[in-house]
Amino acid sequence: INGKAEEGKKLSEKVLVSHMQSELSSVKRAHSPLDLVR
């Protein structure tokens, strides 16, 4: 839609995971509203 189809085709699940590795590692445990004040 944004006219960047070629850039989109270069993406892969591996690329997405690599970009958010630190974030993904932090959600291995469940989160709850208590984390708002923990």
PDB file of all heavy atoms in Angstrom:
ATOM      1  N   ILE A   1       0.833  -1.207   0.000  1.00  0.00           N
ATOM      2  CA  ILE A   1       0.000   0.000   0.000  1.00  0.00           C
ATOM      3  C   ILE A   1       0.864   1.251   0.000  1.00  0.00           C
ATOM      4  O   ILE A   1       0.539   2.256  -0.651  1.00  0.00           O
ATOM      5  CB  ILE A   1      -0.950  -0.010   1.219  1.00  0.00           C
ATOM      6  CG1 ILE A   1      -1.933  -1.177   1.103  1.00  0.00           C
ATOM      7  CG2 ILE A   1      -1.711   1.311   1.322  1.00  0.00           C
ATOM      8  CD1 ILE A   1      -2.811  -1.369   2.322  1.00  0.00           C
ATOM      9  N   ASN A   2       1.999   1.195   0.693  1.00  0.00           N
ATOM     10  CA  ASN A   2       2.893   2.352   0.772  1.00  0.00           C
ATOM     11  C   ASN A   2       3.862   2.445  -0.400  1.00  0.00           C
ATOM     12  O   ASN A   2       4.746   3.313  -0.409  1.00  0.00           O
ATOM     13  CB  ASN A   2       3.692   2.314   2.085  1.00  0.00           C
ATOM     14  CG  ASN A   2       2.855   2.747   3.284  1.00  0.00           C
ATOM     15  OD1 ASN A   2       1.844   3.434   3.125  1.00  0.00           O
ATOM     16  ND2 ASN A   2       3.264   2.343   4.470  1.00  0.00           N
ATOM     17  N   GLY A   3       3.687   1.557  -1.402  1.00  0.00           N
ATOM     18  CA  GLY A   3       4.568   1.606  -2.570  1.00  0.00           C
ATOM     19  C   GLY A   3       5.959   1.078  -2.302  1.00  0.00           C
ATOM     20  O   GLY A   3       6.922   1.468  -2.974  1.00  0.00           O
ATOM     21  N   LYS A   4       6.105   0.167  -1.323  1.00  0.00           N
ATOM     22  CA  LYS A   4       7.404  -0.408  -0.992  1.00  0.00           C
ATOM     23  C   LYS A   4       7.320  -1.926  -1.010  1.00  0.00           C
ATOM     24  O   LYS A   4       7.802  -2.619  -0.097  1.00  0.00           O
ATOM     25  CB  LYS A   4       7.873   0.077   0.385  1.00  0.00           C
ATOM     26  CG  LYS A   4       8.140   1.579   0.442  1.00  0.00           C
ATOM     27  CD  LYS A   4       8.782   1.988   1.751  1.00  0.00           C
ATOM     28  CE  LYS A   4       9.149   3.464   1.754  1.00  0.00           C
ATOM     29  NZ  LYS A   4       9.877   3.866   2.977  1.00  0.00           N
ATOM     30  N   ALA A   5       6.693  -2.450  -2.076  1.00  0.00           N
ATOM     31  CA  ALA A   5       6.485  -3.894  -2.178  1.00  0.00           C
ATOM     32  C   ALA A   5       7.798  -4.666  -2.171  1.00  0.00           C
ATOM     33  O   ALA A   5       7.909  -5.738  -1.563  1.00  0.00           O
ATOM     34  CB  ALA A   5       5.675  -4.216  -3.435  1.00  0.00           C
ATOM     35  N   GLU A   6       8.825  -4.152  -2.858  1.00  0.00           N
ATOM     36  CA  GLU A   6      10.106  -4.849  -2.920  1.00  0.00           C
ATOM     37  C   GLU A   6      10.748  -4.965  -1.543  1.00  0.00           C
ATOM     38  O   GLU A   6      11.296  -6.006  -1.178  1.00  0.00           O
ATOM     39  CB  GLU A   6      11.053  -4.129  -3.891  1.00  0.00           C
ATOM     40  CG  GLU A   6      10.626  -4.191  -5.349  1.00  0.00           C
ATOM     41  CD  GLU A   6      10.509  -5.629  -5.844  1.00  0.00           C
ATOM     42  OE1 GLU A   6      11.385  -6.458  -5.474  1.00  0.00           O
ATOM     43  OE2 GLU A   6       9.551  -5.929  -6.581  1.00  0.00           O
ATOM     44  N   GLU A   7      10.675  -3.869  -0.775  1.00  0.00           N
ATOM     45  CA  GLU A   7      11.224  -3.909   0.585  1.00  0.00           C
ATOM     46  C   GLU A   7      10.456  -4.923   1.440  1.00  0.00           C
ATOM     47  O   GLU A   7      11.049  -5.631   2.268  1.00  0.00           O
ATOM     48  CB  GLU A   7      11.169  -2.526   1.237  1.00  0.00           C
ATOM     49  CG  GLU A   7      12.144  -1.521   0.666  1.00  0.00           C
ATOM     50  CD  GLU A   7      11.595  -0.819  -0.576  1.00  0.00           C
ATOM     51  OE1 GLU A   7      10.616  -1.322  -1.163  1.00  0.00           O
ATOM     52  OE2 GLU A   7      12.151   0.230  -0.954  1.00  0.00           O
ATOM     53  N   GLY A   8       9.135  -4.996   1.209  1.00  0.00           N
ATOM     54  CA  GLY A   8       8.321  -5.940   1.969  1.00  0.00           C
ATOM     55  C   GLY A   8       8.667  -7.379   1.673  1.00  0.00           C
ATOM     56  O   GLY A   8       8.661  -8.236   2.569  1.00  0.00           O
ATOM     57  N   LYS A   9       8.991  -7.674   0.417  1.00  0.00           N
ATOM     58  CA  LYS A   9       9.328  -9.047   0.031  1.00  0.00           C
ATOM     59  C   LYS A   9      10.626  -9.510   0.676  1.00  0.00           C
ATOM     60  O   LYS A   9      10.853 -10.717   0.849  1.00  0.00           O
ATOM     61  CB  LYS A   9       9.439  -9.140  -1.485  1.00  0.00           C
ATOM     62  CG  LYS A   9       8.097  -9.005  -2.207  1.00  0.00           C
ATOM     63  CD  LYS A   9       8.286  -9.072  -3.710  1.00  0.00           C
ATOM     64  CE  LYS A   9       6.946  -8.897  -4.438  1.00  0.00           C
ATOM     65  NZ  LYS A   9       7.119  -8.921  -5.919  1.00  0.00           N
ATOM     66  N   LYS A  10      11.503  -8.579   1.002  1.00  0.00           N
ATOM     67  CA  LYS A  10      12.783  -8.936   1.612  1.00  0.00           C
ATOM     68  C   LYS A  10      12.645  -9.321   3.087  1.00  0.00           C
ATOM     69  O   LYS A  10      13.566  -9.889   3.673  1.00  0.00           O
ATOM     70  CB  LYS A  10      13.759  -7.774   1.478  1.00  0.00           C
ATOM     71  CG  LYS A  10      14.118  -7.441   0.029  1.00  0.00           C
ATOM     72  CD  LYS A  10      15.026  -6.220  -0.042  1.00  0.00           C
ATOM     73  CE  LYS A  10      15.335  -5.849  -1.487  1.00  0.00           C
ATOM     74  NZ  LYS A  10      16.190  -4.641  -1.588  1.00  0.00           N
ATOM     75  N   LEU A  11      11.483  -8.973   3.675  1.00  0.00           N
ATOM     76  CA  LEU A  11      11.275  -9.311   5.074  1.00  0.00           C
ATOM     77  C   LEU A  11      10.998 -10.805   5.219  1.00  0.00           C
ATOM     78  O   LEU A  11      10.474 -11.453   4.319  1.00  0.00           O
ATOM     79  CB  LEU A  11      10.093  -8.520   5.640  1.00  0.00           C
ATOM     80  CG  LEU A  11      10.271  -7.019   5.804  1.00  0.00           C
ATOM     81  CD1 LEU A  11       8.971  -6.397   6.303  1.00  0.00           C
ATOM     82  CD2 LEU A  11      11.402  -6.701   6.772  1.00  0.00           C
ATOM     83  N   SER A  12      11.340 -11.320   6.375  1.00  0.00           N
ATOM     84  CA  SER A  12      11.044 -12.715   6.699  1.00  0.00           C
ATOM     85  C   SER A  12      10.767 -12.801   8.198  1.00  0.00           C
ATOM     86  O   SER A  12      11.052 -11.858   8.948  1.00  0.00           O
ATOM     87  CB  SER A  12      12.220 -13.619   6.328  1.00  0.00           C
ATOM     88  OG  SER A  12      13.348 -13.300   7.133  1.00  0.00           O
ATOM     89  N   GLU A  13      10.226 -13.938   8.612  1.00  0.00           N
ATOM     90  CA  GLU A  13       9.963 -14.119  10.033  1.00  0.00           C
ATOM     91  C   GLU A  13      11.259 -14.053  10.832  1.00  0.00           C
ATOM     92  O   GLU A  13      11.296 -13.536  11.946  1.00  0.00           O
ATOM     93  CB  GLU A  13       9.267 -15.454  10.268  1.00  0.00           C
ATOM     94  CG  GLU A  13       7.841 -15.513   9.729  1.00  0.00           C
ATOM     95  CD  GLU A  13       7.149 -16.820  10.071  1.00  0.00           C
ATOM     96  OE1 GLU A  13       7.147 -17.166  11.271  1.00  0.00           O
ATOM     97  OE2 GLU A  13       6.647 -17.485   9.155  1.00  0.00           O
ATOM     98  N   LYS A  14      12.338 -14.558  10.235  1.00  0.00           N
ATOM     99  CA  LYS A  14      13.622 -14.517  10.923  1.00  0.00           C
ATOM    100  C   LYS A  14      14.079 -13.082  11.152  1.00  0.00           C
ATOM    101  O   LYS A  14      14.611 -12.748  12.218  1.00  0.00           O
ATOM    102  CB  LYS A  14      14.654 -15.284  10.096  1.00  0.00           C
ATOM    103  CG  LYS A  14      16.019 -15.399  10.768  1.00  0.00           C
ATOM    104  CD  LYS A  14      16.968 -16.227   9.929  1.00  0.00           C
ATOM    105  CE  LYS A  14      18.337 -16.338  10.605  1.00  0.00           C
ATOM    106  NZ  LYS A  14      19.283 -17.152   9.805  1.00  0.00           N
ATOM    107  N   VAL A  15      13.857 -12.216  10.145  1.00  0.00           N
ATOM    108  CA  VAL A  15      14.228 -10.812  10.278  1.00  0.00           C
ATOM    109  C   VAL A  15      13.413 -10.142  11.382  1.00  0.00           C
ATOM    110  O   VAL A  15      13.947  -9.387  12.213  1.00  0.00           O
ATOM    111  CB  VAL A  15      14.031 -10.073   8.937  1.00  0.00           C
ATOM    112  CG1 VAL A  15      14.200  -8.563   9.122  1.00  0.00           C
ATOM    113  CG2 VAL A  15      15.002 -10.589   7.890  1.00  0.00           C
ATOM    114  N   LEU A  16      12.107 -10.432  11.400  1.00  0.00           N
ATOM    115  CA  LEU A  16      11.241  -9.826  12.422  1.00  0.00           C
ATOM    116  C   LEU A  16      11.678 -10.238  13.817  1.00  0.00           C
ATOM    117  O   LEU A  16      11.774  -9.409  14.730  1.00  0.00           O
ATOM    118  CB  LEU A  16       9.784 -10.244  12.186  1.00  0.00           C
ATOM    119  CG  LEU A  16       9.132  -9.814  10.877  1.00  0.00           C
ATOM    120  CD1 LEU A  16       7.668 -10.240  10.856  1.00  0.00           C
ATOM    121  CD2 LEU A  16       9.241  -8.310  10.664  1.00  0.00           C
ATOM    122  N   VAL A  17      11.946 -11.517  13.980  1.00  0.00           N
ATOM    123  CA  VAL A  17      12.346 -12.019  15.299  1.00  0.00           C
ATOM    124  C   VAL A  17      13.686 -11.433  15.718  1.00  0.00           C
ATOM    125  O   VAL A  17      13.893 -11.065  16.881  1.00  0.00           O
ATOM    126  CB  VAL A  17      12.394 -13.554  15.290  1.00  0.00           C
ATOM    127  CG1 VAL A  17      12.985 -14.083  16.598  1.00  0.00           C
ATOM    128  CG2 VAL A  17      11.005 -14.132  15.072  1.00  0.00           C
ATOM    129  N   SER A  18      14.613 -11.305  14.756  1.00  0.00           N
ATOM    130  CA  SER A  18      15.929 -10.761  15.086  1.00  0.00           C
ATOM    131  C   SER A  18      15.849  -9.306  15.513  1.00  0.00           C
ATOM    132  O   SER A  18      16.606  -8.847  16.375  1.00  0.00           O
ATOM    133  CB  SER A  18      16.866 -10.898  13.893  1.00  0.00           C
ATOM    134  OG  SER A  18      16.430 -10.090  12.809  1.00  0.00           O
ATOM    135  N   HIS A  19      14.926  -8.545  14.897  1.00  0.00           N
ATOM    136  CA  HIS A  19      14.768  -7.136  15.266  1.00  0.00           C
ATOM    137  C   HIS A  19      14.164  -6.970  16.661  1.00  0.00           C
ATOM    138  O   HIS A  19      14.356  -5.939  17.302  1.00  0.00           O
ATOM    139  CB  HIS A  19      13.879  -6.413  14.245  1.00  0.00           C
ATOM    140  CG  HIS A  19      14.639  -5.903  13.052  1.00  0.00           C
ATOM    141  ND1 HIS A  19      15.156  -6.727  12.100  1.00  0.00           N
ATOM    142  CD2 HIS A  19      14.973  -4.637  12.678  1.00  0.00           C
ATOM    143  CE1 HIS A  19      15.772  -6.011  11.170  1.00  0.00           C
ATOM    144  NE2 HIS A  19      15.680  -4.740  11.500  1.00  0.00           N
ATOM    145  N   MET A  20      13.411  -7.953  17.121  1.00  0.00           N
ATOM    146  CA  MET A  20      12.719  -7.822  18.400  1.00  0.00           C
ATOM    147  C   MET A  20      13.155  -8.907  19.374  1.00  0.00           C
ATOM    148  O   MET A  20      12.371  -9.353  20.202  1.00  0.00           O
ATOM    149  CB  MET A  20      11.202  -7.862  18.181  1.00  0.00           C
ATOM    150  CG  MET A  20      10.688  -6.738  17.296  1.00  0.00           C
ATOM    151  SD  MET A  20       8.895  -6.642  17.236  1.00  0.00           S
ATOM    152  CE  MET A  20       8.496  -6.164  18.905  1.00  0.00           C
ATOM    153  N   GLN A  21      14.421  -9.329  19.269  1.00  0.00           N
ATOM    154  CA  GLN A  21      14.898 -10.423  20.101  1.00  0.00           C
ATOM    155  C   GLN A  21      14.804 -10.109  21.589  1.00  0.00           C
ATOM    156  O   GLN A  21      14.341 -10.918  22.388  1.00  0.00           O
ATOM    157  CB  GLN A  21      16.342 -10.751  19.732  1.00  0.00           C
ATOM    158  CG  GLN A  21      16.838 -12.069  20.329  1.00  0.00           C
ATOM    159  CD  GLN A  21      16.008 -13.254  19.875  1.00  0.00           C
ATOM    160  OE1 GLN A  21      15.769 -13.424  18.698  1.00  0.00           O
ATOM    161  NE2 GLN A  21      15.555 -14.052  20.826  1.00  0.00           N
ATOM    162  N   SER A  22      15.241  -8.903  21.954  1.00  0.00           N
ATOM    163  CA  SER A  22      15.217  -8.550  23.381  1.00  0.00           C
ATOM    164  C   SER A  22      13.791  -8.440  23.899  1.00  0.00           C
ATOM    165  O   SER A  22      13.501  -8.843  25.029  1.00  0.00           O
ATOM    166  CB  SER A  22      15.950  -7.223  23.606  1.00  0.00           C
ATOM    167  OG  SER A  22      15.319  -6.171  22.898  1.00  0.00           O
ATOM    168  N   GLU A  23      12.892  -7.918  23.059  1.00  0.00           N
ATOM    169  CA  GLU A  23      11.506  -7.790  23.468  1.00  0.00           C
ATOM    170  C   GLU A  23      10.847  -9.161  23.624  1.00  0.00           C
ATOM    171  O   GLU A  23      10.111  -9.412  24.568  1.00  0.00           O
ATOM    172  CB  GLU A  23      10.712  -6.948  22.458  1.00  0.00           C
ATOM    173  CG  GLU A  23      11.117  -5.482  22.409  1.00  0.00           C
ATOM    174  CD  GLU A  23      12.245  -5.254  21.407  1.00  0.00           C
ATOM    175  OE1 GLU A  23      12.955  -6.233  21.088  1.00  0.00           O
ATOM    176  OE2 GLU A  23      12.415  -4.103  20.965  1.00  0.00           O
ATOM    177  N   LEU A  24      11.148 -10.065  22.671  1.00  0.00           N
ATOM    178  CA  LEU A  24      10.554 -11.390  22.734  1.00  0.00           C
ATOM    179  C   LEU A  24      11.050 -12.177  23.930  1.00  0.00           C
ATOM    180  O   LEU A  24      10.293 -12.932  24.549  1.00  0.00           O
ATOM    181  CB  LEU A  24      10.862 -12.153  21.438  1.00  0.00           C
ATOM    182  CG  LEU A  24      10.131 -11.661  20.188  1.00  0.00           C
ATOM    183  CD1 LEU A  24      10.713 -12.307  18.948  1.00  0.00           C
ATOM    184  CD2 LEU A  24       8.648 -11.955  20.291  1.00  0.00           C
ATOM    185  N   SER A  25      12.306 -12.000  24.274  1.00  0.00           N
ATOM    186  CA  SER A  25      12.849 -12.724  25.422  1.00  0.00           C
ATOM    187  C   SER A  25      12.208 -12.273  26.728  1.00  0.00           C
ATOM    188  O   SER A  25      12.168 -13.015  27.698  1.00  0.00           O
ATOM    189  CB  SER A  25      14.364 -12.538  25.498  1.00  0.00           C
ATOM    190  OG  SER A  25      14.686 -11.166  25.702  1.00  0.00           O
ATOM    191  N   SER A  26      11.693 -11.034  26.728  1.00  0.00           N
ATOM    192  CA  SER A  26      11.097 -10.494  27.959  1.00  0.00           C
ATOM    193  C   SER A  26       9.671 -10.948  28.178  1.00  0.00           C
ATOM    194  O   SER A  26       9.127 -10.755  29.260  1.00  0.00           O
ATOM    195  CB  SER A  26      11.134  -8.965  27.932  1.00  0.00           C
ATOM    196  OG  SER A  26      10.203  -8.479  26.985  1.00  0.00           O
ATOM    197  N   VAL A  27       9.034 -11.543  27.157  1.00  0.00           N
ATOM    198  CA  VAL A  27       7.625 -11.939  27.302  1.00  0.00           C
ATOM    199  C   VAL A  27       7.480 -13.442  27.480  1.00  0.00           C
ATOM    200  O   VAL A  27       6.407 -13.988  27.275  1.00  0.00           O
ATOM    201  CB  VAL A  27       6.804 -11.467  26.083  1.00  0.00           C
ATOM    202  CG1 VAL A  27       6.776  -9.970  26.027  1.00  0.00           C
ATOM    203  CG2 VAL A  27       7.343 -12.058  24.779  1.00  0.00           C
ATOM    204  N   LYS A  28       8.580 -14.115  27.822  1.00  0.00           N
ATOM    205  CA  LYS A  28       8.468 -15.543  28.073  1.00  0.00           C
ATOM    206  C   LYS A  28       7.633 -15.804  29.316  1.00  0.00           C
ATOM    207  O   LYS A  28       6.999 -16.840  29.453  1.00  0.00           O
ATOM    208  CB  LYS A  28       9.867 -16.147  28.226  1.00  0.00           C
ATOM    209  CG  LYS A  28      10.647 -16.146  26.907  1.00  0.00           C
ATOM    210  CD  LYS A  28      12.016 -16.775  27.083  1.00  0.00           C
ATOM    211  CE  LYS A  28      12.769 -16.791  25.752  1.00  0.00           C
ATOM    212  NZ  LYS A  28      14.128 -17.363  25.887  1.00  0.00           N
ATOM    213  N   ARG A  29       7.659 -14.874  30.231  1.00  0.00           N
ATOM    214  CA  ARG A  29       6.781 -15.007  31.395  1.00  0.00           C
ATOM    215  C   ARG A  29       5.512 -14.199  31.175  1.00  0.00           C
ATOM    216  O   ARG A  29       5.496 -13.233  30.424  1.00  0.00           O
ATOM    217  CB  ARG A  29       7.495 -14.508  32.657  1.00  0.00           C
ATOM    218  CG  ARG A  29       7.756 -13.018  32.693  1.00  0.00           C
ATOM    219  CD  ARG A  29       8.436 -12.626  33.997  1.00  0.00           C
ATOM    220  NE  ARG A  29       8.653 -11.210  34.089  1.00  0.00           N
ATOM    221  CZ  ARG A  29       7.750 -10.342  34.553  1.00  0.00           C
ATOM    222  NH1 ARG A  29       6.567 -10.768  34.943  1.00  0.00           N
ATOM    223  NH2 ARG A  29       8.036  -9.052  34.624  1.00  0.00           N
ATOM    224  N   ALA A  30       4.446 -14.615  31.825  1.00  0.00           N
ATOM    225  CA  ALA A  30       3.161 -13.933  31.671  1.00  0.00           C
ATOM    226  C   ALA A  30       3.196 -12.599  32.386  1.00  0.00           C
ATOM    227  O   ALA A  30       3.863 -12.429  33.412  1.00  0.00           O
ATOM    228  CB  ALA A  30       2.043 -14.812  32.233  1.00  0.00           C
ATOM    229  N   HIS A  31       2.481 -11.643  31.816  1.00  0.00           N
ATOM    230  CA  HIS A  31       2.380 -10.324  32.433  1.00  0.00           C
ATOM    231  C   HIS A  31       0.966 -10.120  32.970  1.00  0.00           C
ATOM    232  O   HIS A  31      -0.001 -10.679  32.452  1.00  0.00           O
ATOM    233  CB  HIS A  31       2.717  -9.225  31.427  1.00  0.00           C
ATOM    234  CG  HIS A  31       4.167  -9.190  31.060  1.00  0.00           C
ATOM    235  ND1 HIS A  31       5.115  -8.562  31.824  1.00  0.00           N
ATOM    236  CD2 HIS A  31       4.834  -9.720  30.000  1.00  0.00           C
ATOM    237  CE1 HIS A  31       6.304  -8.681  31.268  1.00  0.00           C
ATOM    238  NE2 HIS A  31       6.159  -9.388  30.151  1.00  0.00           N
ATOM    239  N   SER A  32       0.858  -9.311  33.997  1.00  0.00           N
ATOM    240  CA  SER A  32      -0.436  -9.015  34.604  1.00  0.00           C
ATOM    241  C   SER A  32      -0.476  -7.536  34.971  1.00  0.00           C
ATOM    242  O   SER A  32       0.557  -6.859  34.978  1.00  0.00           O
ATOM    243  CB  SER A  32      -0.629  -9.863  35.861  1.00  0.00           C
ATOM    244  OG  SER A  32       0.189  -9.388  36.924  1.00  0.00           O
ATOM    245  N   PRO A  33      -1.674  -7.029  35.289  1.00  0.00           N
ATOM    246  CA  PRO A  33      -1.764  -5.621  35.699  1.00  0.00           C
ATOM    247  C   PRO A  33      -0.899  -5.275  36.911  1.00  0.00           C
ATOM    248  O   PRO A  33      -0.572  -4.112  37.121  1.00  0.00           O
ATOM    249  CB  PRO A  33      -3.254  -5.457  36.017  1.00  0.00           C
ATOM    250  CG  PRO A  33      -3.940  -6.458  35.131  1.00  0.00           C
ATOM    251  CD  PRO A  33      -3.006  -7.639  35.104  1.00  0.00           C
ATOM    252  N   LEU A  34      -0.511  -6.289  37.707  1.00  0.00           N
ATOM    253  CA  LEU A  34       0.358  -6.018  38.864  1.00  0.00           C
ATOM    254  C   LEU A  34       1.720  -5.499  38.428  1.00  0.00           C
ATOM    255  O   LEU A  34       2.407  -4.825  39.205  1.00  0.00           O
ATOM    256  CB  LEU A  34       0.526  -7.290  39.698  1.00  0.00           C
ATOM    257  CG  LEU A  34      -0.694  -7.750  40.501  1.00  0.00           C
ATOM    258  CD1 LEU A  34      -0.393  -9.047  41.221  1.00  0.00           C
ATOM    259  CD2 LEU A  34      -1.119  -6.674  41.495  1.00  0.00           C
ATOM    260  N   ASP A  35       2.116  -5.800  37.186  1.00  0.00           N
ATOM    261  CA  ASP A  35       3.397  -5.295  36.694  1.00  0.00           C
ATOM    262  C   ASP A  35       3.412  -3.775  36.588  1.00  0.00           C
ATOM    263  O   ASP A  35       4.478  -3.168  36.477  1.00  0.00           O
ATOM    264  CB  ASP A  35       3.701  -5.904  35.321  1.00  0.00           C
ATOM    265  CG  ASP A  35       4.041  -7.376  35.412  1.00  0.00           C
ATOM    266  OD1 ASP A  35       4.760  -7.747  36.358  1.00  0.00           O
ATOM    267  OD2 ASP A  35       3.578  -8.152  34.559  1.00  0.00           O
ATOM    268  N   LEU A  36       2.240  -3.160  36.619  1.00  0.00           N
ATOM    269  CA  LEU A  36       2.159  -1.701  36.545  1.00  0.00           C
ATOM    270  C   LEU A  36       2.717  -1.038  37.802  1.00  0.00           C
ATOM    271  O   LEU A  36       3.083   0.139  37.770  1.00  0.00           O
ATOM    272  CB  LEU A  36       0.715  -1.252  36.321  1.00  0.00           C
ATOM    273  CG  LEU A  36       0.095  -1.626  34.971  1.00  0.00           C
ATOM    274  CD1 LEU A  36      -1.408  -1.369  34.986  1.00  0.00           C
ATOM    275  CD2 LEU A  36       0.752  -0.835  33.845  1.00  0.00           C
ATOM    276  N   VAL A  37       2.768  -1.768  38.903  1.00  0.00           N
ATOM    277  CA  VAL A  37       3.252  -1.181  40.168  1.00  0.00           C
ATOM    278  C   VAL A  37       4.332  -2.036  40.812  1.00  0.00           C
ATOM    279  O   VAL A  37       4.756  -1.752  41.933  1.00  0.00           O
ATOM    280  CB  VAL A  37       2.079  -0.988  41.165  1.00  0.00           C
ATOM    281  CG1 VAL A  37       1.109   0.059  40.655  1.00  0.00           C
ATOM    282  CG2 VAL A  37       1.345  -2.305  41.420  1.00  0.00           C
ATOM    283  N   ARG A  38       4.808  -3.073  40.117  1.00  0.00           N
ATOM    284  CA  ARG A  38       5.769  -3.993  40.732  1.00  0.00           C
ATOM    285  C   ARG A  38       7.155  -3.370  40.886  1.00  0.00           C
ATOM    286  O   ARG A  38       7.872  -3.625  41.853  1.00  0.00           O
ATOM    287  CB  ARG A  38       5.863  -5.273  39.906  1.00  0.00           C
ATOM    288  CG  ARG A  38       6.444  -6.452  40.676  1.00  0.00           C
ATOM    289  CD  ARG A  38       6.617  -7.647  39.753  1.00  0.00           C
ATOM    290  NE  ARG A  38       5.391  -8.031  39.108  1.00  0.00           N
ATOM    291  CZ  ARG A  38       4.472  -8.832  39.629  1.00  0.00           C
ATOM    292  NH1 ARG A  38       4.663  -9.332  40.844  1.00  0.00           N
ATOM    293  NH2 ARG A  38       3.380  -9.143  38.971  1.00  0.00           N
TER     294      ARG A  38
END
